[in-house]
Amino acid sequence: MYIIGLLVCAGMLMTLLDGIEGVEFYTEKPAYLESCRIYEPEFTNCSTRSIQKFMNQVIKGIPEIYESFGPIDPMKQDQLVFKQDNSDIATISANLTEMLIHGFGKMVIKESKVSKKDFSWLTKIYLPTMRLDCKYKMIGRILLVPLRGGGNMSMEIDDLNILMSTKTHLYERGGYTFYNVTSVRVSLKVGKVKTNMENLFNGRSKEVERGTNQFFNDNWRDLFEALRPLVAETVERTLLKLLQKVFNLIPANFFVEDIPNSLTLYGRKTEMIA
């Protein structure tokens, strides 16, 4: 009887754990979420406060998000293939791998606006410092310097202000309204940039490599303009992946209490397509 009792308890425990691991979405609003009403005058202030509290919790760790996305700081990306051939400042073809993005653990939500027309977002984010570490392969030209190399690369950006424009589409699932995050676009303002690229000339001259990195850092504004599209795409892809994970888990009703359903907004009901 004792062994049977143990087996029953073990079976109940496994069922409970399976239920926790298999959470499709939240059906109860977590205590760390503050709901706001979009048609009330103080909505933007409420939304800004709510998103900051929520991101603080994401940084601390939400199990379902951590399991599918990984840590927020540093965030990982596998690969970014980038090509720019229409700029006077740079003509480059680059392949970045093993990417680690540091700094989002200290993000500040300066403002969170939601459109009453289509429920897209405009969000102002501030990072004291963002650092990108990766492996790179690059061929081309930056600031008239011909480049052909590959190795370790780091870029550190101080006082990074991100203006994030997010497009969404509402849909229903299980009696709740959800955001389908369809695109993220960012505009960046920076305080200062420091970059280091190892093996710039395939290791032919370490002295020239050091001098070139110093030249890039002395002219960091021009260098950043050359690399701006690459940095923007890195941030966009990272935030899009994170937001899609978050808003597939948590209903939009928990953020915007009076959000309409898709039938009210679009004149038709939209369901999630599996």
Protein backbone atom coordinates (compact mmCIF):
# COMPACT_ATOMS: atom_id res chain seq x y z
CA MET A 1 0.00 0.00 0.00
CA TYR A 2 2.87 2.35 0.82
CA ILE A 3 4.45 1.81 -2.61
CA ILE A 4 1.09 2.30 -4.35
CA GLY A 5 0.61 5.53 -2.42
CA LEU A 6 4.02 6.75 -3.53
CA LEU A 7 3.25 5.92 -7.14
CA VAL A 8 -0.06 7.79 -6.98
CA CYS A 9 1.64 10.85 -5.45
CA ALA A 10 4.36 10.73 -8.08
CA GLY A 11 1.76 10.51 -10.83
CA MET A 12 -0.12 13.50 -9.41
CA LEU A 13 3.14 15.48 -9.17
CA MET A 14 4.07 14.68 -12.78
CA THR A 15 0.60 15.74 -13.94
CA LEU A 16 0.97 19.02 -12.04
CA LEU A 17 4.42 19.66 -13.50
CA ASP A 18 3.20 18.85 -17.00
CA GLY A 19 0.44 21.40 -16.50
CA ILE A 20 2.93 24.07 -15.44
CA GLU A 21 5.32 23.40 -18.31
CA GLY A 22 2.47 23.27 -20.82
CA VAL A 23 0.96 26.68 -20.00
CA GLU A 24 -0.38 27.98 -23.30
CA PHE A 25 -1.22 31.45 -22.01
CA TYR A 26 -2.10 33.21 -18.77
CA THR A 27 -5.78 33.15 -17.84
CA GLU A 28 -5.27 35.19 -14.66
CA LYS A 29 -3.55 38.58 -14.53
CA PRO A 30 -0.24 38.38 -12.63
CA ALA A 31 0.13 40.67 -9.61
CA TYR A 32 3.06 42.51 -11.25
CA LEU A 33 0.86 43.75 -14.12
CA GLU A 34 -0.99 47.06 -13.85
CA SER A 35 -3.95 47.32 -16.23
CA CYS A 36 -4.73 50.67 -17.88
CA ARG A 37 -7.78 52.04 -19.68
CA ILE A 38 -6.97 53.63 -23.03
CA TYR A 39 -9.91 56.02 -23.06
CA GLU A 40 -8.94 57.60 -19.74
CA PRO A 41 -6.86 60.84 -19.77
CA GLU A 42 -3.86 59.44 -17.87
CA PHE A 43 -3.51 56.34 -20.04
CA THR A 44 0.00 57.08 -21.36
CA ASN A 45 1.35 57.68 -17.85
CA CYS A 46 -0.33 54.48 -16.65
CA SER A 47 0.92 52.50 -19.65
CA THR A 48 4.49 53.77 -19.21
CA ARG A 49 4.44 52.78 -15.55
CA SER A 50 2.85 49.41 -16.33
CA ILE A 51 5.32 48.44 -19.06
CA GLN A 52 8.28 49.45 -16.87
CA LYS A 53 7.01 47.24 -14.03
CA PHE A 54 6.39 44.41 -16.43
CA MET A 55 9.84 44.65 -18.04
CA ASN A 56 11.40 44.71 -14.57
CA GLN A 57 9.68 41.37 -13.97
CA VAL A 58 10.81 40.00 -17.35
CA ILE A 59 14.39 40.95 -16.42
CA LYS A 60 14.04 39.18 -13.05
CA GLY A 61 12.69 36.16 -14.86
CA ILE A 62 9.31 34.84 -16.01
CA PRO A 63 9.72 31.06 -16.35
CA GLU A 64 7.71 30.62 -19.57
CA ILE A 65 9.55 33.46 -21.30
CA TYR A 66 12.96 32.36 -20.04
CA GLU A 67 12.31 28.82 -21.22
CA SER A 68 11.49 29.84 -24.80
CA PHE A 69 13.60 33.00 -25.18
CA GLY A 70 16.47 32.71 -22.72
CA PRO A 71 17.90 35.47 -20.48
CA ILE A 72 17.22 39.14 -21.18
CA ASP A 73 20.75 40.20 -20.28
CA PRO A 74 22.66 39.10 -22.19
CA MET A 75 20.28 38.26 -25.04
CA LYS A 76 21.44 35.85 -27.71
CA GLN A 77 21.11 35.85 -31.48
CA ASP A 78 22.51 33.12 -33.67
CA GLN A 79 23.31 35.00 -36.86
CA LEU A 80 22.82 38.24 -38.77
CA VAL A 81 23.76 38.51 -42.44
CA PHE A 82 24.04 42.14 -43.48
CA LYS A 83 24.81 43.95 -46.71
CA GLN A 84 25.04 47.69 -47.39
CA ASP A 85 26.09 48.93 -50.81
CA ASN A 86 24.26 52.22 -51.24
CA SER A 87 26.12 54.45 -48.81
CA ASP A 88 28.91 56.98 -49.34
CA ILE A 89 30.19 56.15 -45.87
CA ALA A 90 30.33 52.38 -46.16
CA THR A 91 30.01 49.49 -48.56
CA ILE A 92 30.13 46.28 -46.57
CA SER A 93 29.04 42.69 -46.52
CA ALA A 94 29.05 41.22 -43.02
CA ASN A 95 28.13 38.00 -41.28
CA LEU A 96 27.74 38.15 -37.49
CA THR A 97 27.42 34.98 -35.41
CA GLU A 98 27.38 33.98 -31.71
CA MET A 99 25.88 37.35 -30.88
CA LEU A 100 25.48 38.47 -27.25
CA ILE A 101 23.63 41.72 -26.56
CA HIS A 102 24.20 43.21 -23.12
CA GLY A 103 22.38 46.13 -21.52
CA PHE A 104 18.64 45.48 -21.72
CA GLY A 105 18.69 44.45 -18.07
CA LYS A 106 18.84 48.17 -17.21
CA MET A 107 16.28 49.43 -19.70
CA VAL A 108 14.17 52.43 -18.79
CA ILE A 109 10.74 52.84 -20.40
CA LYS A 110 10.52 56.60 -20.87
CA GLU A 111 7.13 56.56 -22.59
CA SER A 112 4.63 53.98 -23.83
CA LYS A 113 1.94 55.20 -26.21
CA VAL A 114 -0.79 53.02 -27.75
CA SER A 115 -2.78 54.12 -30.80
CA LYS A 116 -6.57 54.15 -30.33
CA LYS A 117 -6.91 53.64 -34.10
CA ASP A 118 -5.05 50.36 -34.64
CA PHE A 119 -3.50 49.63 -31.20
CA SER A 120 0.06 49.87 -32.51
CA TRP A 121 2.69 51.17 -30.08
CA LEU A 122 5.23 53.94 -29.92
CA THR A 123 7.71 53.30 -27.13
CA LYS A 124 10.70 55.32 -25.93
CA ILE A 125 13.40 53.16 -24.35
CA TYR A 126 16.66 54.27 -22.75
CA LEU A 127 19.72 52.08 -22.13
CA PRO A 128 22.68 53.53 -20.19
CA THR A 129 24.93 51.16 -22.17
CA MET A 130 24.38 48.51 -24.83
CA ARG A 131 27.22 46.18 -25.77
CA LEU A 132 27.33 43.78 -28.70
CA ASP A 133 29.87 40.95 -28.68
CA CYS A 134 30.05 38.56 -31.64
CA LYS A 135 32.11 36.73 -34.19
CA TYR A 136 32.28 38.60 -37.47
CA LYS A 137 33.30 38.17 -41.08
CA MET A 138 33.40 41.36 -43.13
CA ILE A 139 34.50 42.55 -46.53
CA GLY A 140 34.11 46.03 -47.95
CA ARG A 141 34.94 49.61 -47.05
CA ILE A 142 34.20 51.87 -44.05
CA LEU A 143 35.29 55.53 -44.06
CA LEU A 144 37.51 54.85 -47.10
CA VAL A 145 39.28 52.03 -45.20
CA PRO A 146 39.22 48.74 -47.16
CA LEU A 147 38.38 45.83 -44.89
CA ARG A 148 38.67 42.07 -45.22
CA GLY A 149 38.78 40.06 -42.04
CA GLY A 150 37.04 38.02 -39.41
CA GLY A 151 37.29 37.32 -35.71
CA ASN A 152 35.97 38.80 -32.48
CA MET A 153 34.08 42.08 -32.59
CA SER A 154 32.71 44.29 -29.81
CA MET A 155 30.69 47.48 -29.95
CA GLU A 156 29.75 49.50 -26.87
CA ILE A 157 27.13 52.25 -27.14
CA ASP A 158 26.60 54.72 -24.28
CA ASP A 159 23.37 56.66 -23.72
CA LEU A 160 21.29 54.76 -26.26
CA ASN A 161 17.81 56.15 -26.88
CA ILE A 162 15.51 53.83 -28.84
CA LEU A 163 12.26 54.99 -30.41
CA MET A 164 10.41 51.76 -31.13
CA SER A 165 7.44 51.63 -33.50
CA THR A 166 5.54 48.35 -33.17
CA LYS A 167 2.74 47.13 -35.43
CA THR A 168 0.20 44.67 -34.06
CA HIS A 169 -2.89 42.76 -35.12
CA LEU A 170 -5.54 41.74 -32.59
CA TYR A 171 -6.91 38.21 -32.44
CA GLU A 172 -8.95 36.07 -30.06
CA ARG A 173 -7.96 32.92 -28.24
CA GLY A 174 -9.77 31.16 -25.43
CA GLY A 175 -12.06 34.11 -24.76
CA TYR A 176 -9.20 36.66 -24.53
CA THR A 177 -7.86 39.27 -26.94
CA PHE A 178 -4.17 39.01 -27.85
CA TYR A 179 -1.59 41.12 -29.66
CA ASN A 180 0.04 39.51 -32.68
CA VAL A 181 3.23 41.58 -32.95
CA THR A 182 3.89 41.78 -36.70
CA SER A 183 6.81 44.23 -36.99
CA VAL A 184 9.27 46.35 -35.01
CA ARG A 185 11.14 49.37 -36.36
CA VAL A 186 13.59 51.45 -34.34
CA SER A 187 15.20 54.86 -34.55
CA LEU A 188 18.42 55.24 -32.57
CA LYS A 189 20.18 58.16 -30.88
CA VAL A 190 23.54 57.51 -29.25
CA GLY A 191 25.85 59.30 -26.84
CA LYS A 192 29.14 57.65 -27.75
CA VAL A 193 30.33 54.49 -29.50
CA LYS A 194 33.47 52.41 -28.97
CA THR A 195 34.28 49.55 -31.34
CA ASN A 196 36.99 46.93 -31.57
CA MET A 197 37.38 44.48 -34.47
CA GLU A 198 40.11 41.86 -34.20
CA ASN A 199 41.89 40.39 -37.21
CA LEU A 200 40.75 43.26 -39.43
CA PHE A 201 43.20 42.49 -42.20
CA ASN A 202 43.35 38.71 -41.74
CA GLY A 203 46.12 39.11 -39.20
CA ARG A 204 48.67 40.61 -41.60
CA SER A 205 49.56 43.54 -39.34
CA LYS A 206 48.54 43.98 -35.71
CA GLU A 207 49.98 47.50 -35.73
CA VAL A 208 47.76 48.52 -38.67
CA GLU A 209 44.82 46.79 -36.97
CA ARG A 210 45.33 48.79 -33.76
CA GLY A 211 45.71 52.00 -35.74
CA THR A 212 42.53 51.34 -37.71
CA ASN A 213 40.51 50.62 -34.57
CA GLN A 214 41.85 53.83 -33.04
CA PHE A 215 40.89 55.73 -36.20
CA PHE A 216 37.36 54.30 -36.02
CA ASN A 217 37.02 55.30 -32.36
CA ASP A 218 38.39 58.80 -33.00
CA ASN A 219 35.73 59.12 -35.71
CA TRP A 220 33.02 57.19 -33.91
CA ARG A 221 30.14 59.36 -35.16
CA ASP A 222 30.99 58.58 -38.77
CA LEU A 223 31.62 54.94 -37.94
CA PHE A 224 28.24 54.63 -36.24
CA GLU A 225 26.49 56.17 -39.24
CA ALA A 226 28.17 53.51 -41.37
CA LEU A 227 27.03 50.74 -39.02
CA ARG A 228 23.68 52.26 -38.00
CA PRO A 229 21.60 49.96 -40.26
CA LEU A 230 23.37 46.90 -38.87
CA VAL A 231 22.83 47.98 -35.25
CA ALA A 232 19.19 48.91 -35.92
CA GLU A 233 18.47 45.55 -37.52
CA THR A 234 20.08 43.75 -34.60
CA VAL A 235 17.91 45.65 -32.09
CA GLU A 236 14.75 45.21 -34.21
CA ARG A 237 15.17 41.45 -34.58
CA THR A 238 15.93 41.02 -30.88
CA LEU A 239 12.95 43.07 -29.68
CA LEU A 240 10.56 41.49 -32.20
CA LYS A 241 11.44 38.00 -31.01
CA LEU A 242 11.06 39.02 -27.35
CA LEU A 243 7.73 40.81 -27.85
CA GLN A 244 6.26 37.94 -29.85
CA LYS A 245 7.11 35.54 -27.02
CA VAL A 246 5.67 37.89 -24.37
CA PHE A 247 2.38 38.71 -26.09
CA ASN A 248 1.74 35.14 -27.16
CA LEU A 249 1.75 34.31 -23.44
CA ILE A 250 -0.08 37.27 -21.88
CA PRO A 251 -3.46 38.56 -23.16
CA ALA A 252 -3.65 42.17 -24.31
CA ASN A 253 -6.64 42.61 -21.94
CA PHE A 254 -4.23 42.42 -19.02
CA PHE A 255 -2.36 45.49 -20.31
CA VAL A 256 -5.20 47.52 -21.85
CA GLU A 257 -8.29 46.68 -19.85
CA ASP A 258 -10.78 48.19 -22.33
CA ILE A 259 -9.11 46.97 -25.54
CA PRO A 260 -11.72 46.03 -28.18
CA ASN A 261 -11.89 42.57 -29.71
CA SER A 262 -11.01 42.04 -33.36
CA LEU A 263 -14.67 42.06 -34.45
CA THR A 264 -15.18 45.53 -32.95
CA LEU A 265 -11.89 46.89 -34.35
CA TYR A 266 -11.81 45.30 -37.82
CA GLY A 267 -15.46 44.42 -38.41
CA ARG A 268 -14.55 40.74 -38.37
CA LYS A 269 -13.43 38.25 -35.80
CA THR A 270 -9.82 37.07 -36.03
CA GLU A 271 -8.75 33.79 -34.46
CA MET A 272 -5.23 32.53 -33.94
CA ILE A 273 -4.05 30.34 -36.80
CA ALA A 274 -2.17 27.32 -35.45
